[in-house]
Amino acid sequence: MDLSKLTALTPPTITFKTYATENDLLPAIKLIECDLSEPYSIYTYRYFVHQWPELCILAHIKDECVGVVICKLDEHRRGYQDGYFSGDKAHLLRGYIGMVAVSKQYRKLGIGSALVARALKKMKQRGVDEVALEAETGNLGALKLYEGLGFIREKRLHRYYLGGTDAFRLKLWL
């Protein structure tokens, strides 16, 4: 997947930065709490940002945080499919996109796509071969964003979220 074209589509007034200090965390949490249905504790956020700060990217217009993507990496073993060994035992990294949020007034400007594309590029540089995430089945904007970046729906997860709504697990192979 060629990620360079995606990052070039960002409007010039938007700046991106990776998580640096706790001062970056509060604006990110506020955005996520407005947009996502799941409640996350401060410890969940810190788990992501302290272990993978380079995969936690914020979008700003002037001094306002208008978008955020928070990701992590996990080791997985290629060669096992459905519990059966199929060849290569190499340990590889799997990326996971935990949270993406963009302020309502700044949607449809390519900010979400630019954030995810930047995270994907950093994951690929770290040796990630696949990326996974979950999205609510009714969140058509998110599904359009991810599928536009090449993600495919792997499976439907029934009653996945606390509110009882279903999710799709989406995957992208880099």
N, C-alpha and C. Protein backbone atom coordinates (compact mmCIF):
# COMPACT_ATOMS: atom_id res chain seq x y z
N MET A 1 0.84 -1.18 0.00
CA MET A 1 0.00 0.00 0.00
C MET A 1 0.89 1.24 0.00
N ASP A 2 0.59 2.18 -0.90
CA ASP A 2 1.37 3.42 -0.98
C ASP A 2 0.73 4.48 -0.10
N LEU A 3 1.36 4.74 1.04
CA LEU A 3 0.81 5.69 2.02
C LEU A 3 1.22 7.12 1.73
N SER A 4 2.19 7.34 0.87
CA SER A 4 2.68 8.70 0.62
C SER A 4 1.62 9.58 -0.01
N LYS A 5 0.78 9.04 -0.86
CA LYS A 5 -0.27 9.83 -1.50
C LYS A 5 -1.31 10.29 -0.49
N LEU A 6 -1.59 9.47 0.50
CA LEU A 6 -2.60 9.83 1.49
C LEU A 6 -2.16 10.99 2.36
N THR A 7 -0.93 10.99 2.80
CA THR A 7 -0.47 12.07 3.68
C THR A 7 -0.36 13.38 2.92
N ALA A 8 -0.26 13.35 1.60
CA ALA A 8 -0.16 14.57 0.81
C ALA A 8 -1.50 15.29 0.69
N LEU A 9 -2.61 14.64 1.03
CA LEU A 9 -3.93 15.23 0.87
C LEU A 9 -4.36 16.14 2.01
N THR A 10 -3.54 16.31 3.01
CA THR A 10 -3.90 17.08 4.19
C THR A 10 -3.92 18.57 3.90
N PRO A 11 -4.99 19.28 4.32
CA PRO A 11 -5.01 20.74 4.16
C PRO A 11 -3.82 21.37 4.87
N PRO A 12 -3.23 22.44 4.30
CA PRO A 12 -2.00 23.02 4.85
C PRO A 12 -2.15 23.69 6.21
N THR A 13 -3.37 24.04 6.63
CA THR A 13 -3.54 24.71 7.92
C THR A 13 -3.49 23.75 9.09
N ILE A 14 -3.46 22.47 8.80
CA ILE A 14 -3.47 21.45 9.86
C ILE A 14 -2.04 21.00 10.12
N THR A 15 -1.67 20.97 11.40
CA THR A 15 -0.35 20.46 11.77
C THR A 15 -0.54 19.18 12.58
N PHE A 16 0.42 18.31 12.49
CA PHE A 16 0.38 17.02 13.18
C PHE A 16 1.57 16.91 14.10
N LYS A 17 1.34 16.31 15.26
CA LYS A 17 2.45 16.06 16.18
C LYS A 17 2.18 14.77 16.93
N THR A 18 3.24 14.12 17.34
CA THR A 18 3.08 12.92 18.15
C THR A 18 2.96 13.31 19.61
N TYR A 19 2.38 12.41 20.37
CA TYR A 19 2.22 12.62 21.80
C TYR A 19 3.59 12.89 22.43
N ALA A 20 3.65 13.93 23.26
CA ALA A 20 4.92 14.27 23.90
C ALA A 20 4.81 14.32 25.42
N THR A 21 3.75 14.93 25.96
CA THR A 21 3.61 15.08 27.41
C THR A 21 2.16 14.88 27.81
N GLU A 22 1.94 14.83 29.11
CA GLU A 22 0.58 14.71 29.64
C GLU A 22 -0.31 15.87 29.18
N ASN A 23 0.29 17.01 28.85
CA ASN A 23 -0.49 18.15 28.35
C ASN A 23 -1.20 17.82 27.04
N ASP A 24 -0.68 16.86 26.29
CA ASP A 24 -1.31 16.44 25.05
C ASP A 24 -2.49 15.50 25.29
N LEU A 25 -2.53 14.90 26.47
CA LEU A 25 -3.52 13.86 26.73
C LEU A 25 -4.93 14.39 26.94
N LEU A 26 -5.10 15.45 27.71
CA LEU A 26 -6.43 15.95 28.03
C LEU A 26 -7.23 16.35 26.79
N PRO A 27 -6.67 17.12 25.84
CA PRO A 27 -7.44 17.44 24.64
C PRO A 27 -7.82 16.19 23.84
N ALA A 28 -6.93 15.20 23.81
CA ALA A 28 -7.23 13.96 23.10
C ALA A 28 -8.38 13.22 23.77
N ILE A 29 -8.35 13.15 25.09
CA ILE A 29 -9.43 12.48 25.83
C ILE A 29 -10.76 13.18 25.59
N LYS A 30 -10.77 14.51 25.60
CA LYS A 30 -12.01 15.25 25.37
C LYS A 30 -12.60 14.93 24.00
N LEU A 31 -11.77 14.88 22.99
CA LEU A 31 -12.25 14.53 21.65
C LEU A 31 -12.83 13.12 21.62
N ILE A 32 -12.11 12.19 22.19
CA ILE A 32 -12.53 10.79 22.15
C ILE A 32 -13.83 10.61 22.93
N GLU A 33 -13.95 11.23 24.09
CA GLU A 33 -15.17 11.10 24.88
C GLU A 33 -16.39 11.65 24.16
N CYS A 34 -16.20 12.66 23.33
CA CYS A 34 -17.32 13.23 22.56
C CYS A 34 -17.76 12.29 21.44
N ASP A 35 -16.83 11.53 20.88
CA ASP A 35 -17.11 10.77 19.67
C ASP A 35 -17.35 9.28 19.85
N LEU A 36 -16.66 8.65 20.78
CA LEU A 36 -16.73 7.20 20.87
C LEU A 36 -17.72 6.77 21.94
N SER A 37 -18.32 5.61 21.73
CA SER A 37 -19.36 5.14 22.64
C SER A 37 -18.80 4.48 23.90
N GLU A 38 -17.55 4.04 23.85
CA GLU A 38 -16.97 3.33 24.98
C GLU A 38 -16.33 4.29 25.97
N PRO A 39 -16.56 4.08 27.26
CA PRO A 39 -15.85 4.89 28.26
C PRO A 39 -14.48 4.25 28.54
N TYR A 40 -13.45 5.06 28.49
CA TYR A 40 -12.10 4.57 28.78
C TYR A 40 -11.57 5.26 30.02
N SER A 41 -10.85 4.52 30.84
CA SER A 41 -10.25 5.12 32.03
C SER A 41 -8.95 5.81 31.64
N ILE A 42 -8.48 6.68 32.49
CA ILE A 42 -7.21 7.37 32.25
C ILE A 42 -6.07 6.37 32.09
N TYR A 43 -6.19 5.22 32.74
CA TYR A 43 -5.15 4.19 32.66
C TYR A 43 -5.09 3.57 31.27
N THR A 44 -6.23 3.45 30.61
CA THR A 44 -6.25 2.93 29.24
C THR A 44 -5.49 3.87 28.31
N TYR A 45 -5.80 5.16 28.43
CA TYR A 45 -5.09 6.14 27.59
C TYR A 45 -3.59 6.10 27.87
N ARG A 46 -3.23 6.07 29.13
CA ARG A 46 -1.80 6.08 29.48
C ARG A 46 -1.09 4.81 29.01
N TYR A 47 -1.80 3.69 29.03
CA TYR A 47 -1.23 2.44 28.52
C TYR A 47 -0.76 2.64 27.07
N PHE A 48 -1.61 3.24 26.26
CA PHE A 48 -1.27 3.48 24.86
C PHE A 48 -0.17 4.53 24.71
N VAL A 49 -0.38 5.71 25.30
CA VAL A 49 0.52 6.84 25.00
C VAL A 49 1.90 6.70 25.63
N HIS A 50 2.01 5.99 26.73
CA HIS A 50 3.33 5.85 27.36
C HIS A 50 4.16 4.76 26.70
N GLN A 51 3.50 3.73 26.15
CA GLN A 51 4.26 2.65 25.51
C GLN A 51 4.52 2.89 24.02
N TRP A 52 3.60 3.60 23.36
CA TRP A 52 3.72 3.84 21.93
C TRP A 52 3.44 5.31 21.61
N PRO A 53 4.21 6.23 22.19
CA PRO A 53 3.91 7.66 21.96
C PRO A 53 4.00 8.06 20.49
N GLU A 54 4.87 7.38 19.73
CA GLU A 54 5.00 7.71 18.31
C GLU A 54 3.79 7.30 17.49
N LEU A 55 2.93 6.45 18.07
CA LEU A 55 1.71 6.00 17.39
C LEU A 55 0.47 6.71 17.91
N CYS A 56 0.68 7.74 18.68
CA CYS A 56 -0.41 8.58 19.18
C CYS A 56 -0.20 9.96 18.56
N ILE A 57 -1.02 10.27 17.57
CA ILE A 57 -0.81 11.46 16.75
C ILE A 57 -1.99 12.40 16.91
N LEU A 58 -1.68 13.68 17.07
CA LEU A 58 -2.71 14.70 17.24
C LEU A 58 -2.67 15.66 16.06
N ALA A 59 -3.86 16.09 15.62
CA ALA A 59 -3.99 17.10 14.56
C ALA A 59 -4.43 18.40 15.20
N HIS A 60 -3.78 19.49 14.81
CA HIS A 60 -4.10 20.81 15.36
C HIS A 60 -4.39 21.81 14.25
N ILE A 61 -5.33 22.68 14.52
CA ILE A 61 -5.53 23.89 13.73
C ILE A 61 -5.26 25.02 14.71
N LYS A 62 -4.21 25.76 14.42
CA LYS A 62 -3.68 26.76 15.36
C LYS A 62 -3.37 26.04 16.67
N ASP A 63 -3.97 26.45 17.78
CA ASP A 63 -3.69 25.80 19.07
C ASP A 63 -4.76 24.80 19.49
N GLU A 64 -5.72 24.54 18.61
CA GLU A 64 -6.83 23.65 18.96
C GLU A 64 -6.58 22.23 18.45
N CYS A 65 -6.71 21.27 19.35
CA CYS A 65 -6.62 19.86 18.95
C CYS A 65 -7.94 19.48 18.29
N VAL A 66 -7.88 19.10 17.01
CA VAL A 66 -9.10 18.80 16.25
C VAL A 66 -9.19 17.33 15.85
N GLY A 67 -8.15 16.55 16.10
CA GLY A 67 -8.18 15.14 15.75
C GLY A 67 -7.09 14.37 16.47
N VAL A 68 -7.33 13.07 16.63
CA VAL A 68 -6.37 12.22 17.32
C VAL A 68 -6.53 10.78 16.84
N VAL A 69 -5.40 10.09 16.75
CA VAL A 69 -5.40 8.64 16.55
C VAL A 69 -4.47 8.07 17.61
N ILE A 70 -4.91 6.99 18.25
CA ILE A 70 -4.13 6.33 19.30
C ILE A 70 -4.02 4.85 18.94
N CYS A 71 -2.78 4.38 18.83
CA CYS A 71 -2.52 3.02 18.36
C CYS A 71 -1.52 2.30 19.25
N LYS A 72 -1.36 1.00 18.98
CA LYS A 72 -0.35 0.22 19.69
C LYS A 72 0.16 -0.88 18.78
N LEU A 73 1.17 -1.60 19.26
CA LEU A 73 1.75 -2.72 18.55
C LEU A 73 1.70 -3.96 19.43
N ASP A 74 1.50 -5.10 18.79
CA ASP A 74 1.56 -6.39 19.47
C ASP A 74 2.38 -7.35 18.61
N GLU A 75 3.03 -8.28 19.26
CA GLU A 75 3.73 -9.32 18.51
C GLU A 75 2.73 -10.40 18.15
N HIS A 76 2.85 -10.92 16.94
CA HIS A 76 2.05 -12.08 16.55
C HIS A 76 2.92 -12.99 15.70
N ARG A 77 2.49 -14.19 15.58
CA ARG A 77 3.30 -15.17 14.87
C ARG A 77 2.62 -15.53 13.56
N ARG A 78 3.33 -15.23 12.48
CA ARG A 78 2.82 -15.64 11.18
C ARG A 78 3.04 -17.15 11.05
N GLY A 79 2.14 -17.78 10.37
CA GLY A 79 2.29 -19.21 10.16
C GLY A 79 1.20 -19.99 10.86
N TYR A 80 0.52 -19.37 11.81
CA TYR A 80 -0.59 -20.03 12.48
C TYR A 80 -1.88 -19.42 11.97
N GLN A 81 -2.73 -20.28 11.46
CA GLN A 81 -4.03 -19.83 10.99
C GLN A 81 -5.06 -20.78 11.57
N ASP A 82 -6.03 -20.21 12.25
CA ASP A 82 -7.09 -21.01 12.89
C ASP A 82 -6.50 -22.08 13.81
N GLY A 83 -5.38 -21.76 14.46
CA GLY A 83 -4.79 -22.67 15.42
C GLY A 83 -3.87 -23.72 14.84
N TYR A 84 -3.68 -23.71 13.53
CA TYR A 84 -2.84 -24.73 12.90
C TYR A 84 -1.61 -24.08 12.29
N PHE A 85 -0.48 -24.77 12.43
CA PHE A 85 0.78 -24.26 11.88
C PHE A 85 0.77 -24.42 10.37
N SER A 86 1.15 -23.35 9.67
CA SER A 86 1.16 -23.42 8.21
C SER A 86 2.50 -23.04 7.59
N GLY A 87 3.56 -23.00 8.38
CA GLY A 87 4.86 -22.73 7.77
C GLY A 87 5.76 -21.83 8.59
N ASP A 88 5.86 -20.58 8.18
CA ASP A 88 6.81 -19.61 8.73
C ASP A 88 6.52 -19.31 10.20
N LYS A 89 7.55 -19.43 11.06
CA LYS A 89 7.41 -19.16 12.49
C LYS A 89 7.85 -17.75 12.87
N ALA A 90 8.13 -16.91 11.89
CA ALA A 90 8.68 -15.59 12.19
C ALA A 90 7.73 -14.78 13.07
N HIS A 91 8.30 -14.12 14.06
CA HIS A 91 7.51 -13.24 14.91
C HIS A 91 7.42 -11.88 14.23
N LEU A 92 6.22 -11.44 14.02
CA LEU A 92 5.98 -10.17 13.35
C LEU A 92 5.14 -9.28 14.25
N LEU A 93 5.05 -8.03 13.86
CA LEU A 93 4.26 -7.08 14.64
C LEU A 93 2.92 -6.83 13.97
N ARG A 94 1.91 -6.76 14.81
CA ARG A 94 0.56 -6.41 14.38
C ARG A 94 0.24 -5.04 14.96
N GLY A 95 -0.24 -4.15 14.14
CA GLY A 95 -0.67 -2.85 14.62
C GLY A 95 -2.13 -2.89 15.02
N TYR A 96 -2.49 -2.04 15.95
CA TYR A 96 -3.88 -1.96 16.38
C TYR A 96 -4.25 -0.48 16.53
N ILE A 97 -5.32 -0.08 15.89
CA ILE A 97 -5.83 1.28 16.02
C ILE A 97 -6.93 1.24 17.06
N GLY A 98 -6.64 1.83 18.22
CA GLY A 98 -7.58 1.78 19.33
C GLY A 98 -8.63 2.86 19.30
N MET A 99 -8.24 4.07 18.90
CA MET A 99 -9.16 5.20 18.95
C MET A 99 -8.82 6.20 17.86
N VAL A 100 -9.85 6.70 17.20
CA VAL A 100 -9.71 7.80 16.24
C VAL A 100 -10.87 8.74 16.48
N ALA A 101 -10.59 10.02 16.58
CA ALA A 101 -11.65 11.01 16.74
C ALA A 101 -11.26 12.30 16.04
N VAL A 102 -12.26 12.94 15.43
CA VAL A 102 -12.08 14.25 14.80
C VAL A 102 -13.26 15.11 15.23
N SER A 103 -12.98 16.35 15.60
CA SER A 103 -14.05 17.29 15.99
C SER A 103 -15.10 17.37 14.89
N LYS A 104 -16.37 17.39 15.29
CA LYS A 104 -17.46 17.39 14.32
C LYS A 104 -17.32 18.49 13.28
N GLN A 105 -16.96 19.70 13.71
CA GLN A 105 -16.89 20.82 12.77
C GLN A 105 -15.74 20.71 11.77
N TYR A 106 -14.83 19.75 11.99
CA TYR A 106 -13.68 19.59 11.09
C TYR A 106 -13.71 18.27 10.33
N ARG A 107 -14.83 17.59 10.33
CA ARG A 107 -14.93 16.33 9.59
C ARG A 107 -15.08 16.61 8.09
N LYS A 108 -14.81 15.59 7.31
CA LYS A 108 -14.89 15.64 5.85
C LYS A 108 -13.81 16.54 5.24
N LEU A 109 -12.74 16.78 5.98
CA LEU A 109 -11.61 17.56 5.47
C LEU A 109 -10.39 16.68 5.24
N GLY A 110 -10.52 15.39 5.49
CA GLY A 110 -9.39 14.47 5.32
C GLY A 110 -8.51 14.32 6.55
N ILE A 111 -8.93 14.91 7.67
CA ILE A 111 -8.10 14.85 8.88
C ILE A 111 -8.01 13.42 9.41
N GLY A 112 -9.15 12.73 9.49
CA GLY A 112 -9.14 11.35 9.98
C GLY A 112 -8.28 10.45 9.11
N SER A 113 -8.44 10.57 7.80
CA SER A 113 -7.62 9.77 6.87
C SER A 113 -6.14 10.10 7.02
N ALA A 114 -5.83 11.38 7.17
CA ALA A 114 -4.42 11.79 7.32
C ALA A 114 -3.83 11.26 8.62
N LEU A 115 -4.60 11.29 9.70
CA LEU A 115 -4.11 10.76 10.98
C LEU A 115 -3.83 9.26 10.87
N VAL A 116 -4.80 8.52 10.32
CA VAL A 116 -4.63 7.07 10.20
C VAL A 116 -3.48 6.75 9.25
N ALA A 117 -3.37 7.48 8.14
CA ALA A 117 -2.28 7.23 7.19
C ALA A 117 -0.93 7.46 7.84
N ARG A 118 -0.81 8.49 8.66
CA ARG A 118 0.46 8.74 9.36
C ARG A 118 0.78 7.60 10.33
N ALA A 119 -0.24 7.13 11.04
CA ALA A 119 -0.03 6.02 11.97
C ALA A 119 0.38 4.76 11.20
N LEU A 120 -0.29 4.49 10.07
CA LEU A 120 0.04 3.32 9.27
C LEU A 120 1.48 3.39 8.75
N LYS A 121 1.89 4.57 8.33
CA LYS A 121 3.25 4.74 7.83
C LYS A 121 4.27 4.44 8.93
N LYS A 122 4.02 4.93 10.14
CA LYS A 122 4.93 4.67 11.26
C LYS A 122 4.93 3.19 11.62
N MET A 123 3.76 2.55 11.56
CA MET A 123 3.69 1.12 11.85
C MET A 123 4.51 0.33 10.83
N LYS A 124 4.34 0.68 9.57
CA LYS A 124 5.08 -0.03 8.52
C LYS A 124 6.58 0.13 8.72
N GLN A 125 7.03 1.32 9.11
CA GLN A 125 8.45 1.55 9.38
C GLN A 125 8.95 0.68 10.53
N ARG A 126 8.06 0.32 11.44
CA ARG A 126 8.43 -0.53 12.58
C ARG A 126 8.35 -2.02 12.25
N GLY A 127 7.93 -2.38 11.03
CA GLY A 127 7.89 -3.78 10.63
C GLY A 127 6.53 -4.43 10.78
N VAL A 128 5.49 -3.65 10.95
CA VAL A 128 4.14 -4.20 11.07
C VAL A 128 3.70 -4.77 9.73
N ASP A 129 3.08 -5.95 9.74
CA ASP A 129 2.59 -6.53 8.50
C ASP A 129 1.07 -6.52 8.39
N GLU A 130 0.37 -6.32 9.50
CA GLU A 130 -1.08 -6.19 9.44
C GLU A 130 -1.55 -5.26 10.55
N VAL A 131 -2.68 -4.61 10.30
CA VAL A 131 -3.26 -3.66 11.25
C VAL A 131 -4.73 -4.03 11.43
N ALA A 132 -5.19 -4.01 12.68
CA ALA A 132 -6.58 -4.34 12.97
C ALA A 132 -7.22 -3.21 13.76
N LEU A 133 -8.55 -3.18 13.73
CA LEU A 133 -9.33 -2.24 14.53
C LEU A 133 -10.76 -2.75 14.57
N GLU A 134 -11.56 -2.14 15.45
CA GLU A 134 -12.98 -2.42 15.48
C GLU A 134 -13.72 -1.11 15.28
N ALA A 135 -14.86 -1.20 14.59
CA ALA A 135 -15.72 -0.03 14.39
C ALA A 135 -17.17 -0.47 14.53
N GLU A 136 -17.99 0.39 15.10
CA GLU A 136 -19.41 0.08 15.24
C GLU A 136 -20.03 -0.12 13.86
N THR A 137 -20.90 -1.11 13.75
CA THR A 137 -21.51 -1.42 12.46
C THR A 137 -22.34 -0.24 11.93
N GLY A 138 -22.86 0.58 12.82
CA GLY A 138 -23.66 1.73 12.40
C GLY A 138 -22.86 3.00 12.16
N ASN A 139 -21.57 2.97 12.38
CA ASN A 139 -20.73 4.17 12.20
C ASN A 139 -20.24 4.20 10.75
N LEU A 140 -21.14 4.64 9.87
CA LEU A 140 -20.86 4.59 8.44
C LEU A 140 -19.70 5.50 8.04
N GLY A 141 -19.55 6.63 8.72
CA GLY A 141 -18.43 7.53 8.43
C GLY A 141 -17.10 6.87 8.70
N ALA A 142 -16.99 6.19 9.84
CA ALA A 142 -15.75 5.49 10.18
C ALA A 142 -15.48 4.34 9.21
N LEU A 143 -16.51 3.58 8.90
CA LEU A 143 -16.34 2.46 7.97
C LEU A 143 -15.88 2.96 6.60
N LYS A 144 -16.46 4.06 6.14
CA LYS A 144 -16.06 4.63 4.85
C LYS A 144 -14.59 5.08 4.90
N LEU A 145 -14.20 5.72 6.00
CA LEU A 145 -12.82 6.17 6.16
C LEU A 145 -11.86 4.98 6.08
N TYR A 146 -12.11 3.95 6.90
CA TYR A 146 -11.20 2.80 6.95
C TYR A 146 -11.18 2.02 5.64
N GLU A 147 -12.35 1.79 5.07
CA GLU A 147 -12.40 1.04 3.82
C GLU A 147 -11.77 1.83 2.69
N GLY A 148 -11.85 3.16 2.75
CA GLY A 148 -11.18 4.01 1.77
C GLY A 148 -9.66 3.91 1.85
N LEU A 149 -9.15 3.53 3.02
CA LEU A 149 -7.71 3.34 3.21
C LEU A 149 -7.27 1.90 2.91
N GLY A 150 -8.24 1.04 2.55
CA GLY A 150 -7.89 -0.33 2.17
C GLY A 150 -8.23 -1.40 3.19
N PHE A 151 -8.79 -1.02 4.33
CA PHE A 151 -9.19 -2.01 5.33
C PHE A 151 -10.36 -2.83 4.78
N ILE A 152 -10.40 -4.10 5.18
CA ILE A 152 -11.54 -4.95 4.81
C ILE A 152 -12.19 -5.47 6.08
N ARG A 153 -13.48 -5.74 5.98
CA ARG A 153 -14.22 -6.29 7.12
C ARG A 153 -13.89 -7.77 7.26
N GLU A 154 -13.32 -8.10 8.40
CA GLU A 154 -12.93 -9.49 8.62
C GLU A 154 -14.06 -10.29 9.25
N LYS A 155 -14.71 -9.71 10.25
CA LYS A 155 -15.82 -10.42 10.89
C LYS A 155 -16.70 -9.44 11.64
N ARG A 156 -17.92 -9.87 11.91
CA ARG A 156 -18.86 -9.10 12.72
C ARG A 156 -18.78 -9.62 14.14
N LEU A 157 -18.67 -8.71 15.09
CA LEU A 157 -18.58 -9.07 16.51
C LEU A 157 -19.89 -8.66 17.18
N HIS A 158 -20.70 -9.65 17.49
CA HIS A 158 -22.03 -9.38 18.04
C HIS A 158 -21.94 -8.87 19.48
N ARG A 159 -22.69 -7.81 19.75
CA ARG A 159 -22.77 -7.18 21.08
C ARG A 159 -21.38 -6.88 21.63
N TYR A 160 -20.51 -6.37 20.81
CA TYR A 160 -19.11 -6.12 21.16
C TYR A 160 -18.96 -4.99 22.16
N TYR A 161 -19.73 -3.94 21.99
CA TYR A 161 -19.59 -2.75 22.84
C TYR A 161 -20.49 -2.85 24.06
N LEU A 162 -20.13 -2.09 25.09
CA LEU A 162 -20.88 -2.12 26.36
C LEU A 162 -22.36 -1.84 26.18
N GLY A 163 -22.70 -0.97 25.24
CA GLY A 163 -24.10 -0.64 24.99
C GLY A 163 -24.85 -1.72 24.23
N GLY A 164 -24.17 -2.80 23.88
CA GLY A 164 -24.81 -3.92 23.20
C GLY A 164 -24.75 -3.84 21.68
N THR A 165 -24.10 -2.82 21.14
CA THR A 165 -24.03 -2.70 19.68
C THR A 165 -22.95 -3.61 19.12
N ASP A 166 -23.15 -3.96 17.85
CA ASP A 166 -22.21 -4.82 17.15
C ASP A 166 -21.05 -4.00 16.59
N ALA A 167 -19.97 -4.70 16.29
CA ALA A 167 -18.80 -4.07 15.66
C ALA A 167 -18.34 -4.94 14.50
N PHE A 168 -17.64 -4.31 13.59
CA PHE A 168 -16.89 -5.04 12.57
C PHE A 168 -15.42 -5.00 12.97
N ARG A 169 -14.74 -6.13 12.86
CA ARG A 169 -13.28 -6.11 12.96
C ARG A 169 -12.79 -5.91 11.54
N LEU A 170 -11.96 -4.90 11.38
CA LEU A 170 -11.39 -4.58 10.08
C LEU A 170 -9.90 -4.83 10.11
N LYS A 171 -9.36 -5.25 8.96
CA LYS A 171 -7.92 -5.51 8.87
C LYS A 171 -7.36 -4.91 7.59
N LEU A 172 -6.09 -4.56 7.69
CA LEU A 172 -5.33 -4.07 6.55
C LEU A 172 -3.98 -4.77 6.58
N TRP A 173 -3.57 -5.31 5.43
CA TRP A 173 -2.26 -5.94 5.33
C TRP A 173 -1.34 -4.96 4.64
N LEU A 174 -0.21 -4.68 5.30
CA LEU A 174 0.75 -3.70 4.76
C LEU A 174 1.81 -4.37 3.92
